[in-house]
Amino acid sequence: MNGRLEDMEIIPKYDSMIERLSSGEKITCKKCGKGIYRPFNPKVKVNHCYICDNCGDGYHWDPVVEVK
């Protein structure tokens, strides 16, 4: 790859799992392959933790906060 725009891979709209989950996309569990990741606390506006409704596997992220 030489860095030219025409040689670069097209990046999908949601390139990270947390963006896909936050947008409401239903993602199959990567551990069991049967369940769907659900918000740990569906009552709040922003979730940082999603749990598989079949096996209990979790996906957690910590937001990056920049203090100036």
C-alpha atoms as a PDB file:
ATOM      1  CA  MET A   1       0.000   0.000   0.000  1.00  0.00           C
ATOM      2  CA  ASN A   2       1.461   3.311  -1.019  1.00  0.00           C
ATOM      3  CA  GLY A   3      -0.978   5.656   0.757  1.00  0.00           C
ATOM      4  CA  ARG A   4      -2.801   6.754  -2.372  1.00  0.00           C
ATOM      5  CA  LEU A   5      -6.512   7.347  -1.820  1.00  0.00           C
ATOM      6  CA  GLU A   6      -7.545   4.971  -4.607  1.00  0.00           C
ATOM      7  CA  ASP A   7      -5.538   2.158  -2.973  1.00  0.00           C
ATOM      8  CA  MET A   8      -7.043   2.583   0.498  1.00  0.00           C
ATOM      9  CA  GLU A   9      -9.726   0.283   1.812  1.00  0.00           C
ATOM     10  CA  ILE A  10     -13.233   1.702   2.144  1.00  0.00           C
ATOM     11  CA  ILE A  11     -14.110   1.995   5.840  1.00  0.00           C
ATOM     12  CA  PRO A  12     -17.720   1.123   6.678  1.00  0.00           C
ATOM     13  CA  LYS A  13     -19.932   3.692   8.415  1.00  0.00           C
ATOM     14  CA  TYR A  14     -19.637   1.876  11.750  1.00  0.00           C
ATOM     15  CA  ASP A  15     -16.084   0.659  12.034  1.00  0.00           C
ATOM     16  CA  SER A  16     -16.144  -0.235  15.707  1.00  0.00           C
ATOM     17  CA  MET A  17     -18.345  -2.566  17.678  1.00  0.00           C
ATOM     18  CA  ILE A  18     -19.305   0.039  20.285  1.00  0.00           C
ATOM     19  CA  GLU A  19     -20.573   2.426  17.605  1.00  0.00           C
ATOM     20  CA  ARG A  20     -22.667  -0.363  16.125  1.00  0.00           C
ATOM     21  CA  LEU A  21     -24.081  -1.351  19.525  1.00  0.00           C
ATOM     22  CA  SER A  22     -24.772   2.272  20.474  1.00  0.00           C
ATOM     23  CA  SER A  23     -26.678   2.812  17.242  1.00  0.00           C
ATOM     24  CA  GLY A  24     -29.014  -0.057  18.159  1.00  0.00           C
ATOM     25  CA  GLU A  25     -27.610  -2.720  15.847  1.00  0.00           C
ATOM     26  CA  LYS A  26     -28.185  -6.251  17.122  1.00  0.00           C
ATOM     27  CA  ILE A  27     -24.836  -8.046  17.227  1.00  0.00           C
ATOM     28  CA  THR A  28     -24.497 -11.787  17.766  1.00  0.00           C
ATOM     29  CA  CYS A  29     -22.313 -12.818  20.696  1.00  0.00           C
ATOM     30  CA  LYS A  30     -18.728 -13.523  19.678  1.00  0.00           C
ATOM     31  CA  LYS A  31     -18.338 -16.147  22.426  1.00  0.00           C
ATOM     32  CA  CYS A  32     -21.418 -18.396  22.108  1.00  0.00           C
ATOM     33  CA  GLY A  33     -22.693 -17.325  18.680  1.00  0.00           C
ATOM     34  CA  LYS A  34     -26.315 -17.673  19.835  1.00  0.00           C
ATOM     35  CA  GLY A  35     -27.185 -14.642  21.959  1.00  0.00           C
ATOM     36  CA  ILE A  36     -27.423 -10.942  21.227  1.00  0.00           C
ATOM     37  CA  TYR A  37     -25.503  -8.252  23.099  1.00  0.00           C
ATOM     38  CA  ARG A  38     -28.022  -6.182  25.098  1.00  0.00           C
ATOM     39  CA  PRO A  39     -27.387  -2.969  27.071  1.00  0.00           C
ATOM     40  CA  PHE A  40     -26.518  -3.663  30.714  1.00  0.00           C
ATOM     41  CA  ASN A  41     -28.811  -0.806  31.785  1.00  0.00           C
ATOM     42  CA  PRO A  42     -31.333  -0.055  29.032  1.00  0.00           C
ATOM     43  CA  LYS A  43     -32.903   2.798  31.055  1.00  0.00           C
ATOM     44  CA  VAL A  44     -29.927   5.144  30.561  1.00  0.00           C
ATOM     45  CA  LYS A  45     -29.176   7.115  27.410  1.00  0.00           C
ATOM     46  CA  VAL A  46     -25.539   5.960  26.997  1.00  0.00           C
ATOM     47  CA  ASN A  47     -24.354   2.466  27.871  1.00  0.00           C
ATOM     48  CA  HIS A  48     -20.745   1.440  28.352  1.00  0.00           C
ATOM     49  CA  CYS A  49     -21.478  -2.236  28.922  1.00  0.00           C
ATOM     50  CA  TYR A  50     -23.379  -4.790  26.848  1.00  0.00           C
ATOM     51  CA  ILE A  51     -24.154  -8.352  27.993  1.00  0.00           C
ATOM     52  CA  CYS A  52     -25.014 -11.427  25.902  1.00  0.00           C
ATOM     53  CA  ASP A  53     -28.579 -12.513  26.661  1.00  0.00           C
ATOM     54  CA  ASN A  54     -27.598 -16.192  26.236  1.00  0.00           C
ATOM     55  CA  CYS A  55     -24.212 -16.838  27.886  1.00  0.00           C
ATOM     56  CA  GLY A  56     -23.614 -13.642  29.875  1.00  0.00           C
ATOM     57  CA  ASP A  57     -20.421 -12.666  28.035  1.00  0.00           C
ATOM     58  CA  GLY A  58     -19.857  -8.930  28.231  1.00  0.00           C
ATOM     59  CA  TYR A  59     -18.495  -6.154  26.057  1.00  0.00           C
ATOM     60  CA  HIS A  60     -17.323  -3.100  28.003  1.00  0.00           C
ATOM     61  CA  TRP A  61     -15.656   0.116  26.930  1.00  0.00           C
ATOM     62  CA  ASP A  62     -14.319   3.103  28.823  1.00  0.00           C
ATOM     63  CA  PRO A  63     -14.954   6.505  27.275  1.00  0.00           C
ATOM     64  CA  VAL A  64     -11.930   8.693  26.598  1.00  0.00           C
ATOM     65  CA  VAL A  65     -12.278  12.024  28.365  1.00  0.00           C
ATOM     66  CA  GLU A  66      -9.917  14.793  27.389  1.00  0.00           C
ATOM     67  CA  VAL A  67      -9.415  17.474  30.031  1.00  0.00           C
ATOM     68  CA  LYS A  68      -7.973  20.808  28.889  1.00  0.00           C
END
